[in-house]
Amino acid sequence: MRSSYSRAASLVGIALLAAAVTTAYFGMRAVNETLRVERLALSQVAGIEGLQSSLKEAEALQREYLITSEPGLIARFETQREKIRLHLADLAARFENPEQRAALPPLASAIAERLALIEQTMQERRGSAGADAARLAFTPARVAVAERADQLLDEVRR
């Protein structure tokens, strides 16, 4: 009788241990998923901030080029354009949320339009006086393109 009682107690103990291990396992999976989501969110924020920084740098290069017409600034602009392309590709890979994924193509389009206008302004500066190119750079239509890209970028951030 005593051995069957010991055996039953052992089985109950093993069952309780198995339940505790199972609970701990699923708890750890939930913690790991939470950490993964948090890391993903932080990397998305860092990617968006990097994109914004590169866009601001491209605009600063345009302004500097309009003032100085220094040829080296064109190469720096091309470097920024490549960084922006890489930021967009990186964001596309990181976005899991369908709303964020849907917002990315309009954002990429607005940024491409913005960069094309910056490049066009820089080309016009090469061929004309700085004042003419500066007037073109800050027309209401071009400012609207920049504001639209900023607005879309803010929407993706949310």
C-alpha atoms as a PDB file:
ATOM      1  CA  MET A   1       0.000   0.000   0.000  1.00  0.00           C
ATOM      2  CA  ARG A   2       2.777   2.311   0.910  1.00  0.00           C
ATOM      3  CA  SER A   3       4.573   1.848  -2.433  1.00  0.00           C
ATOM      4  CA  SER A   4       1.437   2.626  -4.409  1.00  0.00           C
ATOM      5  CA  TYR A   5       0.960   5.781  -2.290  1.00  0.00           C
ATOM      6  CA  SER A   6       4.602   6.774  -2.958  1.00  0.00           C
ATOM      7  CA  ARG A   7       4.174   6.050  -6.618  1.00  0.00           C
ATOM      8  CA  ALA A   8       0.998   8.171  -6.785  1.00  0.00           C
ATOM      9  CA  ALA A   9       2.704  11.023  -4.921  1.00  0.00           C
ATOM     10  CA  SER A  10       5.653  10.811  -7.312  1.00  0.00           C
ATOM     11  CA  LEU A  11       3.346  10.947 -10.307  1.00  0.00           C
ATOM     12  CA  VAL A  12       1.499  13.949  -8.858  1.00  0.00           C
ATOM     13  CA  GLY A  13       4.854  15.646  -8.229  1.00  0.00           C
ATOM     14  CA  ILE A  14       6.000  14.939 -11.768  1.00  0.00           C
ATOM     15  CA  ALA A  15       2.697  16.247 -13.147  1.00  0.00           C
ATOM     16  CA  LEU A  16       3.040  19.440 -11.093  1.00  0.00           C
ATOM     17  CA  LEU A  17       6.628  19.849 -12.246  1.00  0.00           C
ATOM     18  CA  ALA A  18       5.581  19.344 -15.869  1.00  0.00           C
ATOM     19  CA  ALA A  19       2.817  21.940 -15.445  1.00  0.00           C
ATOM     20  CA  ALA A  20       5.286  24.420 -13.934  1.00  0.00           C
ATOM     21  CA  VAL A  21       7.794  23.857 -16.748  1.00  0.00           C
ATOM     22  CA  THR A  22       5.052  24.246 -19.370  1.00  0.00           C
ATOM     23  CA  THR A  23       3.818  27.458 -17.758  1.00  0.00           C
ATOM     24  CA  ALA A  24       7.357  28.828 -17.582  1.00  0.00           C
ATOM     25  CA  TYR A  25       7.987  27.883 -21.220  1.00  0.00           C
ATOM     26  CA  PHE A  26       4.902  29.678 -22.515  1.00  0.00           C
ATOM     27  CA  GLY A  27       5.625  32.628 -20.235  1.00  0.00           C
ATOM     28  CA  MET A  28       9.141  32.909 -21.666  1.00  0.00           C
ATOM     29  CA  ARG A  29       7.779  32.715 -25.215  1.00  0.00           C
ATOM     30  CA  ALA A  30       5.443  35.614 -24.432  1.00  0.00           C
ATOM     31  CA  VAL A  31       8.313  37.623 -22.946  1.00  0.00           C
ATOM     32  CA  ASN A  32      10.499  36.874 -25.964  1.00  0.00           C
ATOM     33  CA  GLU A  33       7.751  37.997 -28.348  1.00  0.00           C
ATOM     34  CA  THR A  34       7.254  41.198 -26.369  1.00  0.00           C
ATOM     35  CA  LEU A  35      10.983  41.901 -26.509  1.00  0.00           C
ATOM     36  CA  ARG A  36      11.051  41.172 -30.239  1.00  0.00           C
ATOM     37  CA  VAL A  37       8.206  43.624 -30.853  1.00  0.00           C
ATOM     38  CA  GLU A  38       9.890  46.287 -28.724  1.00  0.00           C
ATOM     39  CA  ARG A  39      13.222  45.849 -30.531  1.00  0.00           C
ATOM     40  CA  LEU A  40      11.416  46.050 -33.858  1.00  0.00           C
ATOM     41  CA  ALA A  41       9.613  49.247 -32.839  1.00  0.00           C
ATOM     42  CA  LEU A  42      12.877  50.828 -31.693  1.00  0.00           C
ATOM     43  CA  SER A  43      14.626  49.854 -34.911  1.00  0.00           C
ATOM     44  CA  GLN A  44      11.739  51.319 -36.927  1.00  0.00           C
ATOM     45  CA  VAL A  45      11.975  54.601 -35.013  1.00  0.00           C
ATOM     46  CA  ALA A  46      15.737  54.661 -35.558  1.00  0.00           C
ATOM     47  CA  GLY A  47      15.220  53.988 -39.276  1.00  0.00           C
ATOM     48  CA  ILE A  48      12.658  56.776 -39.606  1.00  0.00           C
ATOM     49  CA  GLU A  49      14.921  59.189 -37.745  1.00  0.00           C
ATOM     50  CA  GLY A  50      17.837  58.209 -39.983  1.00  0.00           C
ATOM     51  CA  LEU A  51      15.675  58.834 -43.030  1.00  0.00           C
ATOM     52  CA  GLN A  52      14.629  62.243 -41.732  1.00  0.00           C
ATOM     53  CA  SER A  53      18.224  63.126 -40.948  1.00  0.00           C
ATOM     54  CA  SER A  54      19.372  62.162 -44.444  1.00  0.00           C
ATOM     55  CA  LEU A  55      16.567  64.204 -46.012  1.00  0.00           C
ATOM     56  CA  LYS A  56      17.519  67.257 -43.942  1.00  0.00           C
ATOM     57  CA  GLU A  57      21.153  66.779 -44.949  1.00  0.00           C
ATOM     58  CA  ALA A  58      20.179  66.615 -48.641  1.00  0.00           C
ATOM     59  CA  GLU A  59      18.239  69.872 -48.272  1.00  0.00           C
ATOM     60  CA  ALA A  60      21.163  71.496 -46.470  1.00  0.00           C
ATOM     61  CA  LEU A  61      23.480  70.406 -49.282  1.00  0.00           C
ATOM     62  CA  GLN A  62      21.109  71.989 -51.804  1.00  0.00           C
ATOM     63  CA  ARG A  63      21.123  75.281 -49.925  1.00  0.00           C
ATOM     64  CA  GLU A  64      24.905  75.208 -49.584  1.00  0.00           C
ATOM     65  CA  TYR A  65      25.299  74.445 -53.281  1.00  0.00           C
ATOM     66  CA  LEU A  66      22.997  77.328 -54.202  1.00  0.00           C
ATOM     67  CA  ILE A  67      25.249  79.648 -52.226  1.00  0.00           C
ATOM     68  CA  THR A  68      28.693  78.307 -53.129  1.00  0.00           C
ATOM     69  CA  SER A  69      28.279  76.239 -56.316  1.00  0.00           C
ATOM     70  CA  GLU A  70      31.028  73.956 -54.988  1.00  0.00           C
ATOM     71  CA  PRO A  71      31.204  70.808 -57.194  1.00  0.00           C
ATOM     72  CA  GLY A  72      32.019  68.481 -54.274  1.00  0.00           C
ATOM     73  CA  LEU A  73      28.561  69.076 -52.861  1.00  0.00           C
ATOM     74  CA  ILE A  74      26.999  67.222 -55.790  1.00  0.00           C
ATOM     75  CA  ALA A  75      28.875  64.052 -54.821  1.00  0.00           C
ATOM     76  CA  ARG A  76      27.783  64.494 -51.202  1.00  0.00           C
ATOM     77  CA  PHE A  77      24.192  64.885 -52.384  1.00  0.00           C
ATOM     78  CA  GLU A  78      24.475  61.620 -54.331  1.00  0.00           C
ATOM     79  CA  THR A  79      25.772  59.932 -51.173  1.00  0.00           C
ATOM     80  CA  GLN A  80      22.768  61.225 -49.231  1.00  0.00           C
ATOM     81  CA  ARG A  81      20.423  60.049 -51.965  1.00  0.00           C
ATOM     82  CA  GLU A  82      21.886  56.538 -51.658  1.00  0.00           C
ATOM     83  CA  LYS A  83      21.541  56.655 -47.867  1.00  0.00           C
ATOM     84  CA  ILE A  84      17.889  57.624 -48.282  1.00  0.00           C
ATOM     85  CA  ARG A  85      17.337  54.730 -50.680  1.00  0.00           C
ATOM     86  CA  LEU A  86      18.910  52.347 -48.152  1.00  0.00           C
ATOM     87  CA  HIS A  87      16.800  53.768 -45.310  1.00  0.00           C
ATOM     88  CA  LEU A  88      13.624  53.207 -47.342  1.00  0.00           C
ATOM     89  CA  ALA A  89      14.634  49.639 -48.208  1.00  0.00           C
ATOM     90  CA  ASP A  90      15.467  48.984 -44.562  1.00  0.00           C
ATOM     91  CA  LEU A  91      12.104  50.342 -43.418  1.00  0.00           C
ATOM     92  CA  ALA A  92      10.300  48.188 -45.972  1.00  0.00           C
ATOM     93  CA  ALA A  93      12.027  45.136 -44.513  1.00  0.00           C
ATOM     94  CA  ARG A  94      11.220  46.115 -40.913  1.00  0.00           C
ATOM     95  CA  PHE A  95       7.570  47.089 -41.248  1.00  0.00           C
ATOM     96  CA  GLU A  96       5.221  44.272 -40.251  1.00  0.00           C
ATOM     97  CA  ASN A  97       2.131  46.390 -39.677  1.00  0.00           C
ATOM     98  CA  PRO A  98      -0.079  46.419 -42.821  1.00  0.00           C
ATOM     99  CA  GLU A  99      -0.888  50.117 -42.332  1.00  0.00           C
ATOM    100  CA  GLN A 100       2.811  50.981 -42.245  1.00  0.00           C
ATOM    101  CA  ARG A 101       3.464  48.829 -45.305  1.00  0.00           C
ATOM    102  CA  ALA A 102       0.636  50.583 -47.154  1.00  0.00           C
ATOM    103  CA  ALA A 103       2.020  54.012 -46.210  1.00  0.00           C
ATOM    104  CA  LEU A 104       5.509  53.237 -47.526  1.00  0.00           C
ATOM    105  CA  PRO A 105       4.923  53.475 -51.328  1.00  0.00           C
ATOM    106  CA  PRO A 106       3.378  56.982 -51.157  1.00  0.00           C
ATOM    107  CA  LEU A 107       6.195  58.038 -48.844  1.00  0.00           C
ATOM    108  CA  ALA A 108       8.844  56.655 -51.191  1.00  0.00           C
ATOM    109  CA  SER A 109       7.161  58.422 -54.106  1.00  0.00           C
ATOM    110  CA  ALA A 110       7.040  61.759 -52.270  1.00  0.00           C
ATOM    111  CA  ILE A 111      10.679  61.435 -51.248  1.00  0.00           C
ATOM    112  CA  ALA A 112      11.710  60.546 -54.807  1.00  0.00           C
ATOM    113  CA  GLU A 113       9.872  63.631 -56.076  1.00  0.00           C
ATOM    114  CA  ARG A 114      11.528  65.763 -53.406  1.00  0.00           C
ATOM    115  CA  LEU A 115      15.002  64.470 -54.297  1.00  0.00           C
ATOM    116  CA  ALA A 116      14.354  64.988 -58.007  1.00  0.00           C
ATOM    117  CA  LEU A 117      13.445  68.610 -57.343  1.00  0.00           C
ATOM    118  CA  ILE A 118      16.578  69.133 -55.256  1.00  0.00           C
ATOM    119  CA  GLU A 119      18.696  67.620 -58.030  1.00  0.00           C
ATOM    120  CA  GLN A 120      16.949  69.735 -60.667  1.00  0.00           C
ATOM    121  CA  THR A 121      17.592  72.870 -58.628  1.00  0.00           C
ATOM    122  CA  MET A 122      21.261  71.978 -58.296  1.00  0.00           C
ATOM    123  CA  GLN A 123      21.503  71.383 -62.053  1.00  0.00           C
ATOM    124  CA  GLU A 124      19.849  74.718 -62.734  1.00  0.00           C
ATOM    125  CA  ARG A 125      22.371  76.361 -60.422  1.00  0.00           C
ATOM    126  CA  ARG A 126      25.187  74.938 -62.544  1.00  0.00           C
ATOM    127  CA  GLY A 127      23.737  76.558 -65.634  1.00  0.00           C
ATOM    128  CA  SER A 128      22.570  79.884 -64.260  1.00  0.00           C
ATOM    129  CA  ALA A 129      23.043  82.522 -61.651  1.00  0.00           C
ATOM    130  CA  GLY A 130      22.516  81.540 -58.034  1.00  0.00           C
ATOM    131  CA  ALA A 131      19.590  83.888 -57.520  1.00  0.00           C
ATOM    132  CA  ASP A 132      17.579  82.249 -60.314  1.00  0.00           C
ATOM    133  CA  ALA A 133      18.143  78.766 -58.907  1.00  0.00           C
ATOM    134  CA  ALA A 134      17.335  79.949 -55.395  1.00  0.00           C
ATOM    135  CA  ARG A 135      14.028  81.373 -56.597  1.00  0.00           C
ATOM    136  CA  LEU A 136      13.235  78.034 -58.232  1.00  0.00           C
ATOM    137  CA  ALA A 137      14.219  76.077 -55.135  1.00  0.00           C
ATOM    138  CA  PHE A 138      11.706  77.775 -52.923  1.00  0.00           C
ATOM    139  CA  THR A 139       8.662  78.117 -55.148  1.00  0.00           C
ATOM    140  CA  PRO A 140       5.356  77.294 -53.449  1.00  0.00           C
ATOM    141  CA  ALA A 141       5.030  74.077 -55.471  1.00  0.00           C
ATOM    142  CA  ARG A 142       8.442  72.813 -54.347  1.00  0.00           C
ATOM    143  CA  VAL A 143       7.794  73.767 -50.747  1.00  0.00           C
ATOM    144  CA  ALA A 144       4.487  71.863 -50.966  1.00  0.00           C
ATOM    145  CA  VAL A 145       6.353  68.747 -52.172  1.00  0.00           C
ATOM    146  CA  ALA A 146       8.716  68.966 -49.193  1.00  0.00           C
ATOM    147  CA  GLU A 147       5.829  69.467 -46.773  1.00  0.00           C
ATOM    148  CA  ARG A 148       3.945  66.507 -48.269  1.00  0.00           C
ATOM    149  CA  ALA A 149       6.959  64.235 -47.802  1.00  0.00           C
ATOM    150  CA  ASP A 150       7.336  65.444 -44.198  1.00  0.00           C
ATOM    151  CA  GLN A 151       3.655  64.814 -43.523  1.00  0.00           C
ATOM    152  CA  LEU A 152       3.817  61.272 -44.925  1.00  0.00           C
ATOM    153  CA  LEU A 153       6.934  60.589 -42.894  1.00  0.00           C
ATOM    154  CA  ASP A 154       5.143  61.731 -39.734  1.00  0.00           C
ATOM    155  CA  GLU A 155       2.197  59.450 -40.571  1.00  0.00           C
ATOM    156  CA  VAL A 156       4.515  56.456 -40.959  1.00  0.00           C
ATOM    157  CA  ARG A 157       6.092  57.270 -37.606  1.00  0.00           C
ATOM    158  CA  ARG A 158       2.729  56.915 -35.864  1.00  0.00           C
END
